[in-house]
Each structure stands twice: as structure tokens, then as C-alpha cells.
Amino acid sequence: MSTLKNSVRLTGFLGTKPVMKKFGDNKYLARVSLATNERYKNQEGEWLTDTQWHQLVFWGKQAVFVEKSLDKGSEISIEGRLINRSYTDKAGEVRYAVEIVVNEVQAAQKVVAVSE
């Protein structure tokens, strides 16, 4: 069991345009929400979709790639690790967040039909 690690793999669609922040000269951070959908049949035989939202964090060159190349609705696959953090909001309330720090990202390729 010692070889198990904190690892998450997801494929879904961006729910927002990536938000980029720059720190100092060359440190970049991008945040974006990702929707994953699971379809299933209920007891009446109707198809339902369950959507889960995930908060993604990209650093460095990946942040630059995401900000320049992806937009709301883009389909991507990611591999990363879960982090839990807390922060104090502007009203002084302590808030908690679960995020995925992305190690690898792959944008889905669009298939274009070419007619002769």
C-alpha cells in the first residue's frame, strides 16, 4: 500500500474561462472550474445526468497554456492531486476549499469533417 498516492484523473468540460494571475516576473497561476457528467437510468428507465464540479489549479507553463488555449466549454483531460486548504474571506469567515493541482493536461482534439 505504500505505493498508493494522491492522484486524480478527470475528463470534462470547462465551466468558465480560465482566470490567470501573475506573481512577480515569471510565476503564473490559472484557476478554472471543470464539470464532469455521469449518465444513468433511474428506476423509471429515464436517463438522468449527474454533474459534479471540480476546481482546477494550474501553475507555470501549464497556466499560460490554459489561459491562451482554452475557453469555457473546452473539453480536457487532467491528472493531478487533491489539496484541501482554508482561507479567511473578506467578511472574516473561515472558508474551506478542495482543489485539484494539475500535473498534466490534454485538450480534446476537435474532429473536423472534410468533404470533397
PDB file of N, CA and C in Angstrom:
ATOM      1  N   MET A   1       0.801  -1.203   0.000  1.00  0.00           N
ATOM      2  CA  MET A   1       0.000   0.000   0.000  1.00  0.00           C
ATOM      3  C   MET A   1       0.842   1.265   0.000  1.00  0.00           C
ATOM      4  N   SER A   2       2.115   1.160   0.273  1.00  0.00           N
ATOM      5  CA  SER A   2       2.942   2.361   0.339  1.00  0.00           C
ATOM      6  C   SER A   2       3.141   3.011  -1.024  1.00  0.00           C
ATOM      7  N   THR A   3       2.789   2.304  -2.113  1.00  0.00           N
ATOM      8  CA  THR A   3       2.958   2.890  -3.439  1.00  0.00           C
ATOM      9  C   THR A   3       1.750   3.716  -3.869  1.00  0.00           C
ATOM     10  N   LEU A   4       0.644   3.669  -3.112  1.00  0.00           N
ATOM     11  CA  LEU A   4      -0.518   4.483  -3.450  1.00  0.00           C
ATOM     12  C   LEU A   4      -0.212   5.939  -3.149  1.00  0.00           C
ATOM     13  N   LYS A   5      -0.736   6.816  -3.994  1.00  0.00           N
ATOM     14  CA  LYS A   5      -0.501   8.239  -3.777  1.00  0.00           C
ATOM     15  C   LYS A   5      -1.753   9.027  -4.097  1.00  0.00           C
ATOM     16  N   ASN A   6      -1.724  10.280  -3.824  1.00  0.00           N
ATOM     17  CA  ASN A   6      -2.822  11.192  -4.068  1.00  0.00           C
ATOM     18  C   ASN A   6      -2.862  11.499  -5.565  1.00  0.00           C
ATOM     19  N   SER A   7      -3.789  10.874  -6.286  1.00  0.00           N
ATOM     20  CA  SER A   7      -3.850  11.050  -7.732  1.00  0.00           C
ATOM     21  C   SER A   7      -5.303  11.078  -8.196  1.00  0.00           C
ATOM     22  N   VAL A   8      -5.610  12.040  -9.079  1.00  0.00           N
ATOM     23  CA  VAL A   8      -6.957  12.214  -9.619  1.00  0.00           C
ATOM     24  C   VAL A   8      -6.856  12.332 -11.130  1.00  0.00           C
ATOM     25  N   ARG A   9      -7.742  11.663 -11.842  1.00  0.00           N
ATOM     26  CA  ARG A   9      -7.831  11.787 -13.298  1.00  0.00           C
ATOM     27  C   ARG A   9      -9.274  12.088 -13.657  1.00  0.00           C
ATOM     28  N   LEU A  10      -9.459  13.131 -14.445  1.00  0.00           N
ATOM     29  CA  LEU A  10     -10.803  13.550 -14.837  1.00  0.00           C
ATOM     30  C   LEU A  10     -10.828  13.979 -16.293  1.00  0.00           C
ATOM     31  N   THR A  11     -11.976  13.794 -16.922  1.00  0.00           N
ATOM     32  CA  THR A  11     -12.242  14.338 -18.247  1.00  0.00           C
ATOM     33  C   THR A  11     -13.574  15.059 -18.158  1.00  0.00           C
ATOM     34  N   GLY A  12     -13.591  16.290 -18.632  1.00  0.00           N
ATOM     35  CA  GLY A  12     -14.827  17.063 -18.557  1.00  0.00           C
ATOM     36  C   GLY A  12     -14.733  18.335 -19.374  1.00  0.00           C
ATOM     37  N   PHE A  13     -15.644  19.260 -19.078  1.00  0.00           N
ATOM     38  CA  PHE A  13     -15.764  20.499 -19.827  1.00  0.00           C
ATOM     39  C   PHE A  13     -15.566  21.692 -18.900  1.00  0.00           C
ATOM     40  N   LEU A  14     -14.842  22.697 -19.392  1.00  0.00           N
ATOM     41  CA  LEU A  14     -14.616  23.894 -18.589  1.00  0.00           C
ATOM     42  C   LEU A  14     -15.918  24.662 -18.431  1.00  0.00           C
ATOM     43  N   GLY A  15     -16.204  25.042 -17.189  1.00  0.00           N
ATOM     44  CA  GLY A  15     -17.426  25.780 -16.902  1.00  0.00           C
ATOM     45  C   GLY A  15     -17.240  27.276 -16.967  1.00  0.00           C
ATOM     46  N   THR A  16     -15.996  27.718 -16.973  1.00  0.00           N
ATOM     47  CA  THR A  16     -15.677  29.139 -17.020  1.00  0.00           C
ATOM     48  C   THR A  16     -14.441  29.344 -17.882  1.00  0.00           C
ATOM     49  N   LYS A  17     -14.198  30.579 -18.237  1.00  0.00           N
ATOM     50  CA  LYS A  17     -12.937  30.932 -18.892  1.00  0.00           C
ATOM     51  C   LYS A  17     -11.863  30.924 -17.799  1.00  0.00           C
ATOM     52  N   PRO A  18     -10.666  30.401 -18.080  1.00  0.00           N
ATOM     53  CA  PRO A  18      -9.606  30.390 -17.062  1.00  0.00           C
ATOM     54  C   PRO A  18      -9.276  31.801 -16.568  1.00  0.00           C
ATOM     55  N   VAL A  19      -9.021  31.911 -15.272  1.00  0.00           N
ATOM     56  CA  VAL A  19      -8.637  33.178 -14.653  1.00  0.00           C
ATOM     57  C   VAL A  19      -7.152  33.094 -14.317  1.00  0.00           C
ATOM     58  N   MET A  20      -6.357  34.007 -14.897  1.00  0.00           N
ATOM     59  CA  MET A  20      -4.897  33.993 -14.745  1.00  0.00           C
ATOM     60  C   MET A  20      -4.452  35.055 -13.755  1.00  0.00           C
ATOM     61  N   LYS A  21      -3.479  34.685 -12.922  1.00  0.00           N
ATOM     62  CA  LYS A  21      -2.819  35.640 -12.034  1.00  0.00           C
ATOM     63  C   LYS A  21      -1.316  35.513 -12.248  1.00  0.00           C
ATOM     64  N   LYS A  22      -0.631  36.641 -12.177  1.00  0.00           N
ATOM     65  CA  LYS A  22       0.820  36.650 -12.341  1.00  0.00           C
ATOM     66  C   LYS A  22       1.441  37.157 -11.051  1.00  0.00           C
ATOM     67  N   PHE A  23       2.457  36.439 -10.577  1.00  0.00           N
ATOM     68  CA  PHE A  23       3.176  36.821  -9.373  1.00  0.00           C
ATOM     69  C   PHE A  23       4.620  37.114  -9.753  1.00  0.00           C
ATOM     70  N   GLY A  24       5.104  38.296  -9.413  1.00  0.00           N
ATOM     71  CA  GLY A  24       6.483  38.636  -9.738  1.00  0.00           C
ATOM     72  C   GLY A  24       6.695  38.669 -11.237  1.00  0.00           C
ATOM     73  N   ASP A  25       7.891  38.271 -11.658  1.00  0.00           N
ATOM     74  CA  ASP A  25       8.229  38.332 -13.080  1.00  0.00           C
ATOM     75  C   ASP A  25       7.720  37.146 -13.883  1.00  0.00           C
ATOM     76  N   ASN A  26       7.873  35.925 -13.360  1.00  0.00           N
ATOM     77  CA  ASN A  26       7.578  34.753 -14.182  1.00  0.00           C
ATOM     78  C   ASN A  26       6.808  33.657 -13.472  1.00  0.00           C
ATOM     79  N   LYS A  27       5.995  33.973 -12.491  1.00  0.00           N
ATOM     80  CA  LYS A  27       5.215  32.946 -11.806  1.00  0.00           C
ATOM     81  C   LYS A  27       3.745  33.144 -12.153  1.00  0.00           C
ATOM     82  N   TYR A  28       3.121  32.104 -12.728  1.00  0.00           N
ATOM     83  CA  TYR A  28       1.750  32.195 -13.201  1.00  0.00           C
ATOM     84  C   TYR A  28       0.867  31.165 -12.513  1.00  0.00           C
ATOM     85  N   LEU A  29      -0.398  31.545 -12.290  1.00  0.00           N
ATOM     86  CA  LEU A  29      -1.406  30.683 -11.700  1.00  0.00           C
ATOM     87  C   LEU A  29      -2.687  30.876 -12.491  1.00  0.00           C
ATOM     88  N   ALA A  30      -3.325  29.766 -12.890  1.00  0.00           N
ATOM     89  CA  ALA A  30      -4.623  29.832 -13.553  1.00  0.00           C
ATOM     90  C   ALA A  30      -5.597  28.939 -12.795  1.00  0.00           C
ATOM     91  N   ARG A  31      -6.824  29.427 -12.647  1.00  0.00           N
ATOM     92  CA  ARG A  31      -7.890  28.670 -11.993  1.00  0.00           C
ATOM     93  C   ARG A  31      -9.055  28.551 -12.970  1.00  0.00           C
ATOM     94  N   VAL A  32      -9.734  27.398 -12.898  1.00  0.00           N
ATOM     95  CA  VAL A  32     -10.890  27.164 -13.758  1.00  0.00           C
ATOM     96  C   VAL A  32     -11.744  26.063 -13.127  1.00  0.00           C
ATOM     97  N   SER A  33     -13.046  26.086 -13.407  1.00  0.00           N
ATOM     98  CA  SER A  33     -13.921  25.016 -12.936  1.00  0.00           C
ATOM     99  C   SER A  33     -14.126  24.000 -14.057  1.00  0.00           C
ATOM    100  N   LEU A  34     -14.239  22.729 -13.665  1.00  0.00           N
ATOM    101  CA  LEU A  34     -14.408  21.633 -14.618  1.00  0.00           C
ATOM    102  C   LEU A  34     -15.662  20.859 -14.238  1.00  0.00           C
ATOM    103  N   ALA A  35     -16.534  20.610 -15.212  1.00  0.00           N
ATOM    104  CA  ALA A  35     -17.742  19.812 -14.995  1.00  0.00           C
ATOM    105  C   ALA A  35     -17.525  18.411 -15.551  1.00  0.00           C
ATOM    106  N   THR A  36     -17.817  17.410 -14.715  1.00  0.00           N
ATOM    107  CA  THR A  36     -17.819  16.032 -15.182  1.00  0.00           C
ATOM    108  C   THR A  36     -19.253  15.528 -15.091  1.00  0.00           C
ATOM    109  N   ASN A  37     -19.668  14.769 -16.089  1.00  0.00           N
ATOM    110  CA  ASN A  37     -21.053  14.293 -16.163  1.00  0.00           C
ATOM    111  C   ASN A  37     -21.109  12.776 -16.140  1.00  0.00           C
ATOM    112  N   GLU A  38     -22.053  12.261 -15.366  1.00  0.00           N
ATOM    113  CA  GLU A  38     -22.296  10.827 -15.326  1.00  0.00           C
ATOM    114  C   GLU A  38     -23.760  10.599 -15.677  1.00  0.00           C
ATOM    115  N   ARG A  39     -23.993   9.781 -16.698  1.00  0.00           N
ATOM    116  CA  ARG A  39     -25.369   9.487 -17.119  1.00  0.00           C
ATOM    117  C   ARG A  39     -25.774   8.125 -16.564  1.00  0.00           C
ATOM    118  N   TYR A  40     -27.025   8.055 -16.107  1.00  0.00           N
ATOM    119  CA  TYR A  40     -27.544   6.796 -15.577  1.00  0.00           C
ATOM    120  C   TYR A  40     -29.062   6.773 -15.754  1.00  0.00           C
ATOM    121  N   LYS A  41     -29.630   5.566 -15.650  1.00  0.00           N
ATOM    122  CA  LYS A  41     -31.079   5.412 -15.724  1.00  0.00           C
ATOM    123  C   LYS A  41     -31.634   5.308 -14.317  1.00  0.00           C
ATOM    124  N   ASN A  42     -32.752   6.018 -14.081  1.00  0.00           N
ATOM    125  CA  ASN A  42     -33.406   5.893 -12.782  1.00  0.00           C
ATOM    126  C   ASN A  42     -34.329   4.679 -12.786  1.00  0.00           C
ATOM    127  N   GLN A  43     -35.075   4.488 -11.706  1.00  0.00           N
ATOM    128  CA  GLN A  43     -35.945   3.312 -11.590  1.00  0.00           C
ATOM    129  C   GLN A  43     -37.064   3.294 -12.620  1.00  0.00           C
ATOM    130  N   GLU A  44     -37.427   4.473 -13.132  1.00  0.00           N
ATOM    131  CA  GLU A  44     -38.477   4.551 -14.154  1.00  0.00           C
ATOM    132  C   GLU A  44     -37.916   4.381 -15.568  1.00  0.00           C
ATOM    133  N   GLY A  45     -36.617   4.190 -15.699  1.00  0.00           N
ATOM    134  CA  GLY A  45     -35.999   3.996 -17.003  1.00  0.00           C
ATOM    135  C   GLY A  45     -35.623   5.283 -17.711  1.00  0.00           C
ATOM    136  N   GLU A  46     -35.750   6.425 -17.031  1.00  0.00           N
ATOM    137  CA  GLU A  46     -35.393   7.708 -17.634  1.00  0.00           C
ATOM    138  C   GLU A  46     -33.899   7.959 -17.474  1.00  0.00           C
ATOM    139  N   TRP A  47     -33.280   8.526 -18.519  1.00  0.00           N
ATOM    140  CA  TRP A  47     -31.870   8.879 -18.448  1.00  0.00           C
ATOM    141  C   TRP A  47     -31.714  10.194 -17.683  1.00  0.00           C
ATOM    142  N   LEU A  48     -30.818  10.202 -16.704  1.00  0.00           N
ATOM    143  CA  LEU A  48     -30.513  11.396 -15.925  1.00  0.00           C
ATOM    144  C   LEU A  48     -29.023  11.672 -16.006  1.00  0.00           C
ATOM    145  N   THR A  49     -28.660  12.924 -15.808  1.00  0.00           N
ATOM    146  CA  THR A  49     -27.248  13.312 -15.801  1.00  0.00           C
ATOM    147  C   THR A  49     -26.919  13.924 -14.452  1.00  0.00           C
ATOM    148  N   ASP A  50     -25.866  13.412 -13.837  1.00  0.00           N
ATOM    149  CA  ASP A  50     -25.368  13.954 -12.576  1.00  0.00           C
ATOM    150  C   ASP A  50     -24.076  14.709 -12.887  1.00  0.00           C
ATOM    151  N   THR A  51     -24.064  16.021 -12.642  1.00  0.00           N
ATOM    152  CA  THR A  51     -22.898  16.845 -12.920  1.00  0.00           C
ATOM    153  C   THR A  51     -22.179  17.166 -11.625  1.00  0.00           C
ATOM    154  N   GLN A  52     -20.872  16.924 -11.592  1.00  0.00           N
ATOM    155  CA  GLN A  52     -20.020  17.276 -10.461  1.00  0.00           C
ATOM    156  C   GLN A  52     -19.075  18.382 -10.912  1.00  0.00           C
ATOM    157  N   TRP A  53     -18.847  19.369 -10.031  1.00  0.00           N
ATOM    158  CA  TRP A  53     -17.961  20.486 -10.343  1.00  0.00           C
ATOM    159  C   TRP A  53     -16.667  20.354  -9.558  1.00  0.00           C
ATOM    160  N   HIS A  54     -15.554  20.602 -10.238  1.00  0.00           N
ATOM    161  CA  HIS A  54     -14.225  20.488  -9.643  1.00  0.00           C
ATOM    162  C   HIS A  54     -13.464  21.786  -9.913  1.00  0.00           C
ATOM    163  N   GLN A  55     -12.708  22.234  -8.929  1.00  0.00           N
ATOM    164  CA  GLN A  55     -11.900  23.438  -9.080  1.00  0.00           C
ATOM    165  C   GLN A  55     -10.467  23.018  -9.413  1.00  0.00           C
ATOM    166  N   LEU A  56      -9.955  23.488 -10.557  1.00  0.00           N
ATOM    167  CA  LEU A  56      -8.619  23.124 -11.016  1.00  0.00           C
ATOM    168  C   LEU A  56      -7.663  24.290 -10.830  1.00  0.00           C
ATOM    169  N   VAL A  57      -6.405  23.957 -10.506  1.00  0.00           N
ATOM    170  CA  VAL A  57      -5.346  24.950 -10.344  1.00  0.00           C
ATOM    171  C   VAL A  57      -4.180  24.537 -11.237  1.00  0.00           C
ATOM    172  N   PHE A  58      -3.714  25.473 -12.060  1.00  0.00           N
ATOM    173  CA  PHE A  58      -2.574  25.245 -12.954  1.00  0.00           C
ATOM    174  C   PHE A  58      -1.470  26.227 -12.586  1.00  0.00           C
ATOM    175  N   TRP A  59      -0.218  25.782 -12.617  1.00  0.00           N
ATOM    176  CA  TRP A  59       0.932  26.644 -12.324  1.00  0.00           C
ATOM    177  C   TRP A  59       1.873  26.708 -13.516  1.00  0.00           C
ATOM    178  N   GLY A  60       2.619  27.787 -13.621  1.00  0.00           N
ATOM    179  CA  GLY A  60       3.709  27.919 -14.587  1.00  0.00           C
ATOM    180  C   GLY A  60       3.273  27.874 -16.035  1.00  0.00           C
ATOM    181  N   LYS A  61       4.008  27.079 -16.832  1.00  0.00           N
ATOM    182  CA  LYS A  61       3.740  26.992 -18.268  1.00  0.00           C
ATOM    183  C   LYS A  61       2.355  26.432 -18.563  1.00  0.00           C
ATOM    184  N   GLN A  62       1.877  25.525 -17.704  1.00  0.00           N
ATOM    185  CA  GLN A  62       0.530  24.996 -17.905  1.00  0.00           C
ATOM    186  C   GLN A  62      -0.513  26.093 -17.745  1.00  0.00           C
ATOM    187  N   ALA A  63      -0.303  26.994 -16.787  1.00  0.00           N
ATOM    188  CA  ALA A  63      -1.231  28.108 -16.585  1.00  0.00           C
ATOM    189  C   ALA A  63      -1.278  28.989 -17.830  1.00  0.00           C
ATOM    190  N   VAL A  64      -0.137  29.264 -18.411  1.00  0.00           N
ATOM    191  CA  VAL A  64      -0.071  30.079 -19.626  1.00  0.00           C
ATOM    192  C   VAL A  64      -0.790  29.372 -20.773  1.00  0.00           C
ATOM    193  N   PHE A  65      -0.550  28.057 -20.929  1.00  0.00           N
ATOM    194  CA  PHE A  65      -1.211  27.267 -21.974  1.00  0.00           C
ATOM    195  C   PHE A  65      -2.728  27.314 -21.817  1.00  0.00           C
ATOM    196  N   VAL A  66      -3.197  27.069 -20.597  1.00  0.00           N
ATOM    197  CA  VAL A  66      -4.632  27.032 -20.328  1.00  0.00           C
ATOM    198  C   VAL A  66      -5.274  28.379 -20.635  1.00  0.00           C
ATOM    199  N   GLU A  67      -4.647  29.458 -20.193  1.00  0.00           N
ATOM    200  CA  GLU A  67      -5.208  30.790 -20.388  1.00  0.00           C
ATOM    201  C   GLU A  67      -5.273  31.169 -21.873  1.00  0.00           C
ATOM    202  N   LYS A  68      -4.272  30.772 -22.650  1.00  0.00           N
ATOM    203  CA  LYS A  68      -4.211  31.131 -24.071  1.00  0.00           C
ATOM    204  C   LYS A  68      -4.997  30.184 -24.972  1.00  0.00           C
ATOM    205  N   SER A  69      -5.100  28.907 -24.575  1.00  0.00           N
ATOM    206  CA  SER A  69      -5.625  27.893 -25.489  1.00  0.00           C
ATOM    207  C   SER A  69      -7.033  27.402 -25.192  1.00  0.00           C
ATOM    208  N   LEU A  70      -7.526  27.614 -23.978  1.00  0.00           N
ATOM    209  CA  LEU A  70      -8.810  27.024 -23.609  1.00  0.00           C
ATOM    210  C   LEU A  70      -9.826  28.106 -23.271  1.00  0.00           C
ATOM    211  N   ASP A  71     -11.093  27.758 -23.422  1.00  0.00           N
ATOM    212  CA  ASP A  71     -12.175  28.692 -23.136  1.00  0.00           C
ATOM    213  C   ASP A  71     -13.318  27.905 -22.500  1.00  0.00           C
ATOM    214  N   LYS A  72     -14.316  28.615 -22.051  1.00  0.00           N
ATOM    215  CA  LYS A  72     -15.499  27.980 -21.487  1.00  0.00           C
ATOM    216  C   LYS A  72     -16.043  26.968 -22.491  1.00  0.00           C
ATOM    217  N   GLY A  73     -16.341  25.752 -22.019  1.00  0.00           N
ATOM    218  CA  GLY A  73     -16.871  24.710 -22.886  1.00  0.00           C
ATOM    219  C   GLY A  73     -15.815  23.788 -23.467  1.00  0.00           C
ATOM    220  N   SER A  74     -14.527  24.131 -23.350  1.00  0.00           N
ATOM    221  CA  SER A  74     -13.465  23.269 -23.873  1.00  0.00           C
ATOM    222  C   SER A  74     -13.457  21.941 -23.129  1.00  0.00           C
ATOM    223  N   GLU A  75     -13.247  20.847 -23.858  1.00  0.00           N
ATOM    224  CA  GLU A  75     -13.129  19.531 -23.228  1.00  0.00           C
ATOM    225  C   GLU A  75     -11.655  19.242 -22.966  1.00  0.00           C
ATOM    226  N   ILE A  76     -11.342  18.832 -21.724  1.00  0.00           N
ATOM    227  CA  ILE A  76      -9.964  18.497 -21.367  1.00  0.00           C
ATOM    228  C   ILE A  76      -9.931  17.246 -20.505  1.00  0.00           C
ATOM    229  N   SER A  77      -8.757  16.623 -20.481  1.00  0.00           N
ATOM    230  CA  SER A  77      -8.450  15.534 -19.545  1.00  0.00           C
ATOM    231  C   SER A  77      -7.289  16.004 -18.699  1.00  0.00           C
ATOM    232  N   ILE A  78      -7.362  15.718 -17.396  1.00  0.00           N
ATOM    233  CA  ILE A  78      -6.298  16.146 -16.497  1.00  0.00           C
ATOM    234  C   ILE A  78      -5.880  15.001 -15.581  1.00  0.00           C
ATOM    235  N   GLU A  79      -4.665  15.127 -15.063  1.00  0.00           N
ATOM    236  CA  GLU A  79      -4.182  14.272 -13.980  1.00  0.00           C
ATOM    237  C   GLU A  79      -3.577  15.219 -12.980  1.00  0.00           C
ATOM    238  N   GLY A  80      -3.907  15.029 -11.703  1.00  0.00           N
ATOM    239  CA  GLY A  80      -3.388  15.919 -10.677  1.00  0.00           C
ATOM    240  C   GLY A  80      -3.546  15.338  -9.299  1.00  0.00           C
ATOM    241  N   ARG A  81      -3.432  16.198  -8.283  1.00  0.00           N
ATOM    242  CA  ARG A  81      -3.553  15.749  -6.895  1.00  0.00           C
ATOM    243  C   ARG A  81      -4.514  16.655  -6.140  1.00  0.00           C
ATOM    244  N   LEU A  82      -5.241  16.075  -5.195  1.00  0.00           N
ATOM    245  CA  LEU A  82      -6.189  16.827  -4.381  1.00  0.00           C
ATOM    246  C   LEU A  82      -5.459  17.596  -3.293  1.00  0.00           C
ATOM    247  N   ILE A  83      -5.917  18.821  -3.075  1.00  0.00           N
ATOM    248  CA  ILE A  83      -5.428  19.581  -1.921  1.00  0.00           C
ATOM    249  C   ILE A  83      -6.638  20.154  -1.189  1.00  0.00           C
ATOM    250  N   ASN A  84      -6.529  20.239   0.112  1.00  0.00           N
ATOM    251  CA  ASN A  84      -7.529  20.872   0.963  1.00  0.00           C
ATOM    252  C   ASN A  84      -6.868  22.084   1.578  1.00  0.00           C
ATOM    253  N   ARG A  85      -7.552  23.205   1.543  1.00  0.00           N
ATOM    254  CA  ARG A  85      -6.984  24.407   2.142  1.00  0.00           C
ATOM    255  C   ARG A  85      -8.092  25.224   2.782  1.00  0.00           C
ATOM    256  N   SER A  86      -7.696  26.109   3.664  1.00  0.00           N
ATOM    257  CA  SER A  86      -8.647  27.031   4.272  1.00  0.00           C
ATOM    258  C   SER A  86      -8.141  28.449   4.065  1.00  0.00           C
ATOM    259  N   TYR A  87      -9.068  29.398   4.090  1.00  0.00           N
ATOM    260  CA  TYR A  87      -8.717  30.805   3.930  1.00  0.00           C
ATOM    261  C   TYR A  87      -9.792  31.636   4.633  1.00  0.00           C
ATOM    262  N   THR A  88      -9.479  32.876   4.894  1.00  0.00           N
ATOM    263  CA  THR A  88     -10.430  33.787   5.509  1.00  0.00           C
ATOM    264  C   THR A  88     -10.945  34.745   4.438  1.00  0.00           C
ATOM    265  N   ASP A  89     -12.271  34.794   4.276  1.00  0.00           N
ATOM    266  CA  ASP A  89     -12.842  35.665   3.242  1.00  0.00           C
ATOM    267  C   ASP A  89     -12.888  37.120   3.720  1.00  0.00           C
ATOM    268  N   LYS A  90     -13.380  37.996   2.860  1.00  0.00           N
ATOM    269  CA  LYS A  90     -13.408  39.430   3.166  1.00  0.00           C
ATOM    270  C   LYS A  90     -14.285  39.765   4.364  1.00  0.00           C
ATOM    271  N   ALA A  91     -15.260  38.897   4.665  1.00  0.00           N
ATOM    272  CA  ALA A  91     -16.144  39.121   5.812  1.00  0.00           C
ATOM    273  C   ALA A  91     -15.558  38.560   7.102  1.00  0.00           C
ATOM    274  N   GLY A  92     -14.352  37.976   7.007  1.00  0.00           N
ATOM    275  CA  GLY A  92     -13.706  37.419   8.190  1.00  0.00           C
ATOM    276  C   GLY A  92     -14.089  35.986   8.500  1.00  0.00           C
ATOM    277  N   GLU A  93     -14.870  35.342   7.621  1.00  0.00           N
ATOM    278  CA  GLU A  93     -15.287  33.958   7.814  1.00  0.00           C
ATOM    279  C   GLU A  93     -14.217  33.001   7.272  1.00  0.00           C
ATOM    280  N   VAL A  94     -13.968  31.925   7.999  1.00  0.00           N
ATOM    281  CA  VAL A  94     -13.041  30.897   7.529  1.00  0.00           C
ATOM    282  C   VAL A  94     -13.782  30.017   6.530  1.00  0.00           C
ATOM    283  N   ARG A  95     -13.209  29.851   5.378  1.00  0.00           N
ATOM    284  CA  ARG A  95     -13.775  29.023   4.307  1.00  0.00           C
ATOM    285  C   ARG A  95     -12.825  27.869   4.005  1.00  0.00           C
ATOM    286  N   TYR A  96     -13.383  26.804   3.454  1.00  0.00           N
ATOM    287  CA  TYR A  96     -12.591  25.629   3.111  1.00  0.00           C
ATOM    288  C   TYR A  96     -12.769  25.328   1.628  1.00  0.00           C
ATOM    289  N   ALA A  97     -11.698  24.888   0.992  1.00  0.00           N
ATOM    290  CA  ALA A  97     -11.744  24.582  -0.438  1.00  0.00           C
ATOM    291  C   ALA A  97     -11.022  23.271  -0.719  1.00  0.00           C
ATOM    292  N   VAL A  98     -11.584  22.512  -1.645  1.00  0.00           N
ATOM    293  CA  VAL A  98     -10.933  21.314  -2.169  1.00  0.00           C
ATOM    294  C   VAL A  98     -10.626  21.614  -3.626  1.00  0.00           C
ATOM    295  N   GLU A  99      -9.362  21.506  -3.997  1.00  0.00           N
ATOM    296  CA  GLU A  99      -8.933  21.823  -5.355  1.00  0.00           C
ATOM    297  C   GLU A  99      -8.067  20.702  -5.897  1.00  0.00           C
ATOM    298  N   ILE A 100      -7.918  20.688  -7.212  1.00  0.00           N
ATOM    299  CA  ILE A 100      -7.026  19.742  -7.867  1.00  0.00           C
ATOM    300  C   ILE A 100      -5.898  20.541  -8.489  1.00  0.00           C
ATOM    301  N   VAL A 101      -4.671  20.293  -8.018  1.00  0.00           N
ATOM    302  CA  VAL A 101      -3.491  20.901  -8.624  1.00  0.00           C
ATOM    303  C   VAL A 101      -3.103  19.991  -9.784  1.00  0.00           C
ATOM    304  N   VAL A 102      -3.163  20.528 -10.985  1.00  0.00           N
ATOM    305  CA  VAL A 102      -2.991  19.730 -12.199  1.00  0.00           C
ATOM    306  C   VAL A 102      -1.506  19.530 -12.506  1.00  0.00           C
ATOM    307  N   ASN A 103      -1.137  18.259 -12.748  1.00  0.00           N
ATOM    308  CA  ASN A 103       0.216  17.909 -13.176  1.00  0.00           C
ATOM    309  C   ASN A 103       0.302  17.788 -14.697  1.00  0.00           C
ATOM    310  N   GLU A 104      -0.765  17.237 -15.302  1.00  0.00           N
ATOM    311  CA  GLU A 104      -0.804  17.047 -16.753  1.00  0.00           C
ATOM    312  C   GLU A 104      -2.173  17.470 -17.267  1.00  0.00           C
ATOM    313  N   VAL A 105      -2.183  18.090 -18.435  1.00  0.00           N
ATOM    314  CA  VAL A 105      -3.436  18.489 -19.072  1.00  0.00           C
ATOM    315  C   VAL A 105      -3.364  18.164 -20.551  1.00  0.00           C
ATOM    316  N   GLN A 106      -4.491  17.693 -21.087  1.00  0.00           N
ATOM    317  CA  GLN A 106      -4.579  17.417 -22.515  1.00  0.00           C
ATOM    318  C   GLN A 106      -5.914  17.947 -23.004  1.00  0.00           C
ATOM    319  N   ALA A 107      -5.858  18.818 -23.990  1.00  0.00           N
ATOM    320  CA  ALA A 107      -7.078  19.345 -24.604  1.00  0.00           C
ATOM    321  C   ALA A 107      -7.591  18.329 -25.612  1.00  0.00           C
ATOM    322  N   ALA A 108      -8.903  18.139 -25.648  1.00  0.00           N
ATOM    323  CA  ALA A 108      -9.503  17.218 -26.602  1.00  0.00           C
ATOM    324  C   ALA A 108      -9.332  17.755 -28.019  1.00  0.00           C
ATOM    325  N   GLN A 109      -9.087  16.864 -28.928  1.00  0.00           N
ATOM    326  CA  GLN A 109      -8.917  17.245 -30.323  1.00  0.00           C
ATOM    327  C   GLN A 109     -10.294  17.322 -30.974  1.00  0.00           C
ATOM    328  N   LYS A 110     -10.528  18.395 -31.696  1.00  0.00           N
ATOM    329  CA  LYS A 110     -11.783  18.532 -32.418  1.00  0.00           C
ATOM    330  C   LYS A 110     -11.679  17.808 -33.750  1.00  0.00           C
ATOM    331  N   VAL A 111     -12.684  17.010 -34.065  1.00  0.00           N
ATOM    332  CA  VAL A 111     -12.700  16.296 -35.326  1.00  0.00           C
ATOM    333  C   VAL A 111     -13.483  17.139 -36.327  1.00  0.00           C
ATOM    334  N   VAL A 112     -12.858  17.425 -37.443  1.00  0.00           N
ATOM    335  CA  VAL A 112     -13.484  18.254 -38.465  1.00  0.00           C
ATOM    336  C   VAL A 112     -13.705  17.387 -39.698  1.00  0.00           C
ATOM    337  N   ALA A 113     -14.953  17.328 -40.150  1.00  0.00           N
ATOM    338  CA  ALA A 113     -15.264  16.549 -41.351  1.00  0.00           C
ATOM    339  C   ALA A 113     -14.889  17.359 -42.583  1.00  0.00           C
ATOM    340  N   VAL A 114     -14.188  16.707 -43.481  1.00  0.00           N
ATOM    341  CA  VAL A 114     -13.775  17.366 -44.730  1.00  0.00           C
ATOM    342  C   VAL A 114     -14.524  16.690 -45.870  1.00  0.00           C
ATOM    343  N   SER A 115     -15.249  17.487 -46.627  1.00  0.00           N
ATOM    344  CA  SER A 115     -15.977  16.924 -47.767  1.00  0.00           C
ATOM    345  C   SER A 115     -15.241  17.287 -49.051  1.00  0.00           C
ATOM    346  N   GLU A 116     -15.355  16.414 -50.005  1.00  0.00           N
ATOM    347  CA  GLU A 116     -14.675  16.623 -51.293  1.00  0.00           C
ATOM    348  C   GLU A 116     -15.519  17.404 -52.250  1.00  0.00           C
TER     349      GLU A 116
END
